[in-house]
Each structure stands twice: as C-alpha cells, then as structure tokens.
Amino acid sequence: MVQRRCRYCEQSFQPSKYQPHQSVCSQPDCQRRRRADYHRQKIVADAEYRQGCRDSPQKWRSHNADYWQRYRDQHPAAVERNRQLQHVRDHKRRLRDLANNNSAFDLKHSAAEVWLLGAGLENLLRNTRPHVFRFPNEVATEPWS
C-alpha cells in the first residue's frame, strides 16, 4: 500500500482502504485539526451552514432557559468559589480604579510626606486618592493669612 505524509504532524501513515484519498493520519490531534479546518472553511463558503451555526446556541438556550439555575442548585461548592473569586475581582477593580483616579491632586509633586496604608496597595501604580495622610513634622508657627 502507498504511504502518505500527514499534512499536520508530517508523519507517514497508510491511508484507509475505505478512504483512499485520505490526507490526514488517524491521530486524534490531527483529526481534531482536520475537523476544525473543515468547519472554518464551511462557515466561510456556505451561508446556510453559517446561519445554522449561529442559530444553534440560541435554540439550545431557549430550550434550556433554566440551565444555570439548575447548575447552581446542583453545585453549591462552585457557587461559593465563584462568590469568593468575584469578591477578589471586585477588590482588584476598586484598586485599579483608585490607582487611575486623576481627579484629585498629584501626590508625586506634593511637598507633604504621604503614607499609603491598606491591603493591596502594592498593586497601585499611581494613587491620587490615598486613605491615610502623614504630614511632615514641620508645622507652620505663623497663623494662616
């Protein structure tokens, strides 16, 4: 029988006697790539197929509208894990927004000594709205005019 070279892994293989024009070996990774390539080409070339691919997830969601509620009911550990991770994501977002707040005065050019206190502040690139100030020991002895 004729030996062929797989177009994905470039290994030699013997084509199936049932598929004499076979150009891809039978390795799962190569077959997965072949199917994905076919799918991409079919979507580009066939409008009806493309529309079917677009409609399929919407059809499934309409028939399984309560899927996520059932999933959360059946997987309480996943719900709790997501709740904790969402808390972390929210905290990071607040810190990022704090770091990018440019509406307050510029601390880099301030004569005052500033201490920033709090968890997560090491992630701040530029903080213009700190939580705690520490002013230098030099206090004006003359009354403000």
C-alpha atoms as a PDB file:
ATOM      1  CA  MET A   1       0.000   0.000   0.000  1.00  0.00           C
ATOM      2  CA  VAL A   2       1.010   3.615  -0.549  1.00  0.00           C
ATOM      3  CA  GLN A   3       2.489   5.604   2.313  1.00  0.00           C
ATOM      4  CA  ARG A   4       1.385   9.230   2.744  1.00  0.00           C
ATOM      5  CA  ARG A   5       2.617  12.094   4.899  1.00  0.00           C
ATOM      6  CA  CYS A   6       0.085  13.703   7.253  1.00  0.00           C
ATOM      7  CA  ARG A   7      -0.359  17.394   6.478  1.00  0.00           C
ATOM      8  CA  TYR A   8      -0.475  18.282  10.185  1.00  0.00           C
ATOM      9  CA  CYS A   9       2.105  16.158  12.008  1.00  0.00           C
ATOM     10  CA  GLU A  10       4.080  15.196   8.864  1.00  0.00           C
ATOM     11  CA  GLN A  11       4.313  11.573   9.980  1.00  0.00           C
ATOM     12  CA  SER A  12       3.983   8.792   7.423  1.00  0.00           C
ATOM     13  CA  PHE A  13       0.756   6.809   7.525  1.00  0.00           C
ATOM     14  CA  GLN A  14      -1.075   4.266   5.447  1.00  0.00           C
ATOM     15  CA  PRO A  15      -4.422   5.551   4.103  1.00  0.00           C
ATOM     16  CA  SER A  16      -7.560   3.612   4.932  1.00  0.00           C
ATOM     17  CA  LYS A  17      -8.719   1.219   2.232  1.00  0.00           C
ATOM     18  CA  TYR A  18     -12.173   2.789   2.661  1.00  0.00           C
ATOM     19  CA  GLN A  19     -10.797   6.333   2.233  1.00  0.00           C
ATOM     20  CA  PRO A  20      -8.153   6.071  -0.497  1.00  0.00           C
ATOM     21  CA  HIS A  21      -7.769   9.889  -0.748  1.00  0.00           C
ATOM     22  CA  GLN A  22      -7.133  10.266   2.993  1.00  0.00           C
ATOM     23  CA  SER A  23      -4.601  13.068   3.602  1.00  0.00           C
ATOM     24  CA  VAL A  24      -4.545  13.161   7.410  1.00  0.00           C
ATOM     25  CA  CYS A  25      -3.370  10.396   9.752  1.00  0.00           C
ATOM     26  CA  SER A  26      -5.671   8.882  12.356  1.00  0.00           C
ATOM     27  CA  GLN A  27      -4.044  10.540  15.401  1.00  0.00           C
ATOM     28  CA  PRO A  28      -6.722  12.315  17.491  1.00  0.00           C
ATOM     29  CA  ASP A  29      -4.935  15.712  17.368  1.00  0.00           C
ATOM     30  CA  CYS A  30      -4.638  15.587  13.576  1.00  0.00           C
ATOM     31  CA  GLN A  31      -8.265  14.531  13.171  1.00  0.00           C
ATOM     32  CA  ARG A  32      -9.364  17.343  15.514  1.00  0.00           C
ATOM     33  CA  ARG A  33      -7.429  19.867  13.416  1.00  0.00           C
ATOM     34  CA  ARG A  34      -8.899  18.427  10.187  1.00  0.00           C
ATOM     35  CA  ARG A  35     -12.454  18.785  11.515  1.00  0.00           C
ATOM     36  CA  ALA A  36     -11.794  22.320  12.767  1.00  0.00           C
ATOM     37  CA  ASP A  37     -10.360  23.341   9.372  1.00  0.00           C
ATOM     38  CA  TYR A  38     -13.358  21.856   7.589  1.00  0.00           C
ATOM     39  CA  HIS A  39     -15.718  23.701   9.935  1.00  0.00           C
ATOM     40  CA  ARG A  40     -13.948  27.036   9.333  1.00  0.00           C
ATOM     41  CA  GLN A  41     -13.997  26.590   5.565  1.00  0.00           C
ATOM     42  CA  LYS A  42     -17.642  25.512   5.557  1.00  0.00           C
ATOM     43  CA  ILE A  43     -18.677  28.573   7.577  1.00  0.00           C
ATOM     44  CA  VAL A  44     -16.944  30.858   5.069  1.00  0.00           C
ATOM     45  CA  ALA A  45     -18.333  29.116   1.983  1.00  0.00           C
ATOM     46  CA  ASP A  46     -21.894  28.112   2.991  1.00  0.00           C
ATOM     47  CA  ALA A  47     -24.334  30.790   4.179  1.00  0.00           C
ATOM     48  CA  GLU A  48     -26.962  28.254   5.273  1.00  0.00           C
ATOM     49  CA  TYR A  49     -24.423  26.328   7.370  1.00  0.00           C
ATOM     50  CA  ARG A  50     -23.172  29.607   8.863  1.00  0.00           C
ATOM     51  CA  GLN A  51     -26.738  30.589   9.822  1.00  0.00           C
ATOM     52  CA  GLY A  52     -27.315  27.154  11.369  1.00  0.00           C
ATOM     53  CA  CYS A  53     -24.155  27.540  13.467  1.00  0.00           C
ATOM     54  CA  ARG A  54     -25.360  30.962  14.578  1.00  0.00           C
ATOM     55  CA  ASP A  55     -28.857  29.752  15.479  1.00  0.00           C
ATOM     56  CA  SER A  56     -27.832  26.561  17.280  1.00  0.00           C
ATOM     57  CA  PRO A  57     -26.704  28.091  20.623  1.00  0.00           C
ATOM     58  CA  GLN A  58     -29.757  30.365  20.728  1.00  0.00           C
ATOM     59  CA  LYS A  59     -32.054  27.406  20.122  1.00  0.00           C
ATOM     60  CA  TRP A  60     -30.343  25.415  22.886  1.00  0.00           C
ATOM     61  CA  ARG A  61     -30.614  28.349  25.325  1.00  0.00           C
ATOM     62  CA  SER A  62     -34.309  28.759  24.582  1.00  0.00           C
ATOM     63  CA  HIS A  63     -34.907  25.053  25.319  1.00  0.00           C
ATOM     64  CA  ASN A  64     -32.697  25.115  28.437  1.00  0.00           C
ATOM     65  CA  ALA A  65     -33.516  28.518  29.912  1.00  0.00           C
ATOM     66  CA  ASP A  66     -33.116  27.300  33.493  1.00  0.00           C
ATOM     67  CA  TYR A  67     -29.753  25.590  32.922  1.00  0.00           C
ATOM     68  CA  TRP A  68     -27.659  27.958  35.044  1.00  0.00           C
ATOM     69  CA  GLN A  69     -30.163  27.954  37.903  1.00  0.00           C
ATOM     70  CA  ARG A  70     -30.133  24.139  37.939  1.00  0.00           C
ATOM     71  CA  TYR A  71     -26.329  24.115  37.764  1.00  0.00           C
ATOM     72  CA  ARG A  72     -26.035  26.479  40.738  1.00  0.00           C
ATOM     73  CA  ASP A  73     -28.537  24.390  42.710  1.00  0.00           C
ATOM     74  CA  GLN A  74     -26.581  21.186  41.991  1.00  0.00           C
ATOM     75  CA  HIS A  75     -23.075  22.643  42.544  1.00  0.00           C
ATOM     76  CA  PRO A  76     -23.049  24.761  45.735  1.00  0.00           C
ATOM     77  CA  ALA A  77     -19.240  24.498  46.019  1.00  0.00           C
ATOM     78  CA  ALA A  78     -18.846  26.099  42.593  1.00  0.00           C
ATOM     79  CA  VAL A  79     -21.249  28.862  43.601  1.00  0.00           C
ATOM     80  CA  GLU A  80     -19.248  29.588  46.751  1.00  0.00           C
ATOM     81  CA  ARG A  81     -15.940  29.527  44.859  1.00  0.00           C
ATOM     82  CA  ASN A  82     -17.332  31.943  42.273  1.00  0.00           C
ATOM     83  CA  ARG A  83     -18.598  34.229  45.049  1.00  0.00           C
ATOM     84  CA  GLN A  84     -15.135  34.347  46.626  1.00  0.00           C
ATOM     85  CA  LEU A  85     -13.385  34.921  43.292  1.00  0.00           C
ATOM     86  CA  GLN A  86     -15.870  37.652  42.398  1.00  0.00           C
ATOM     87  CA  HIS A  87     -15.038  39.365  45.682  1.00  0.00           C
ATOM     88  CA  VAL A  88     -11.338  39.302  44.723  1.00  0.00           C
ATOM     89  CA  ARG A  89     -12.121  40.622  41.209  1.00  0.00           C
ATOM     90  CA  ASP A  90     -14.232  43.432  42.679  1.00  0.00           C
ATOM     91  CA  HIS A  91     -11.434  44.360  45.087  1.00  0.00           C
ATOM     92  CA  LYS A  92      -8.868  44.458  42.275  1.00  0.00           C
ATOM     93  CA  ARG A  93     -11.199  46.610  40.165  1.00  0.00           C
ATOM     94  CA  ARG A  94     -11.655  49.069  43.042  1.00  0.00           C
ATOM     95  CA  LEU A  95      -7.878  49.285  43.497  1.00  0.00           C
ATOM     96  CA  ARG A  96      -7.343  49.749  39.751  1.00  0.00           C
ATOM     97  CA  ASP A  97      -9.967  52.496  39.648  1.00  0.00           C
ATOM     98  CA  LEU A  98      -8.357  54.121  42.672  1.00  0.00           C
ATOM     99  CA  ALA A  99      -4.951  53.961  41.005  1.00  0.00           C
ATOM    100  CA  ASN A 100      -6.273  55.564  37.837  1.00  0.00           C
ATOM    101  CA  ASN A 101      -8.211  58.336  39.570  1.00  0.00           C
ATOM    102  CA  ASN A 102      -6.682  61.563  38.292  1.00  0.00           C
ATOM    103  CA  SER A 103      -9.330  63.928  39.633  1.00  0.00           C
ATOM    104  CA  ALA A 104      -7.538  64.516  42.962  1.00  0.00           C
ATOM    105  CA  PHE A 105      -4.277  66.379  43.453  1.00  0.00           C
ATOM    106  CA  ASP A 106      -0.969  64.959  42.277  1.00  0.00           C
ATOM    107  CA  LEU A 107       0.898  63.289  45.173  1.00  0.00           C
ATOM    108  CA  LYS A 108       4.152  62.996  43.256  1.00  0.00           C
ATOM    109  CA  HIS A 109       4.642  66.763  43.305  1.00  0.00           C
ATOM    110  CA  SER A 110       3.298  67.325  46.802  1.00  0.00           C
ATOM    111  CA  ALA A 111       5.647  68.671  49.461  1.00  0.00           C
ATOM    112  CA  ALA A 112       3.928  66.551  52.106  1.00  0.00           C
ATOM    113  CA  GLU A 113       5.175  63.111  53.044  1.00  0.00           C
ATOM    114  CA  VAL A 114       2.437  60.606  52.239  1.00  0.00           C
ATOM    115  CA  TRP A 115       1.977  57.116  53.611  1.00  0.00           C
ATOM    116  CA  LEU A 116      -0.439  54.805  51.878  1.00  0.00           C
ATOM    117  CA  LEU A 117      -1.941  52.138  54.109  1.00  0.00           C
ATOM    118  CA  GLY A 118      -4.158  49.206  53.284  1.00  0.00           C
ATOM    119  CA  ALA A 119      -4.198  45.754  51.746  1.00  0.00           C
ATOM    120  CA  GLY A 120      -3.421  45.548  48.053  1.00  0.00           C
ATOM    121  CA  LEU A 121      -1.819  48.960  47.718  1.00  0.00           C
ATOM    122  CA  GLU A 122       1.366  47.366  46.388  1.00  0.00           C
ATOM    123  CA  ASN A 123      -0.528  46.929  43.116  1.00  0.00           C
ATOM    124  CA  LEU A 124      -1.162  50.635  42.692  1.00  0.00           C
ATOM    125  CA  LEU A 125       0.869  52.366  40.015  1.00  0.00           C
ATOM    126  CA  ARG A 126      -0.192  55.898  40.816  1.00  0.00           C
ATOM    127  CA  ASN A 127      -2.500  56.696  43.673  1.00  0.00           C
ATOM    128  CA  THR A 128      -4.078  60.114  43.782  1.00  0.00           C
ATOM    129  CA  ARG A 129      -6.666  59.456  46.486  1.00  0.00           C
ATOM    130  CA  PRO A 130      -4.930  57.797  49.456  1.00  0.00           C
ATOM    131  CA  HIS A 131      -6.701  56.611  52.567  1.00  0.00           C
ATOM    132  CA  VAL A 132      -4.285  57.991  55.192  1.00  0.00           C
ATOM    133  CA  PHE A 133      -2.019  61.067  55.178  1.00  0.00           C
ATOM    134  CA  ARG A 134       1.048  61.647  57.340  1.00  0.00           C
ATOM    135  CA  PHE A 135       2.236  65.225  57.202  1.00  0.00           C
ATOM    136  CA  PRO A 136       5.848  66.253  57.905  1.00  0.00           C
ATOM    137  CA  ASN A 137       6.886  67.417  61.360  1.00  0.00           C
ATOM    138  CA  GLU A 138       7.459  70.978  60.172  1.00  0.00           C
ATOM    139  CA  VAL A 139       4.271  72.695  61.239  1.00  0.00           C
ATOM    140  CA  ALA A 140       3.734  76.347  60.384  1.00  0.00           C
ATOM    141  CA  THR A 141       4.131  78.506  63.509  1.00  0.00           C
ATOM    142  CA  GLU A 142       2.614  81.577  61.923  1.00  0.00           C
ATOM    143  CA  PRO A 143      -1.127  81.796  61.648  1.00  0.00           C
ATOM    144  CA  TRP A 144      -2.614  81.388  58.232  1.00  0.00           C
ATOM    145  CA  SER A 145      -3.192  84.656  56.473  1.00  0.00           C
END
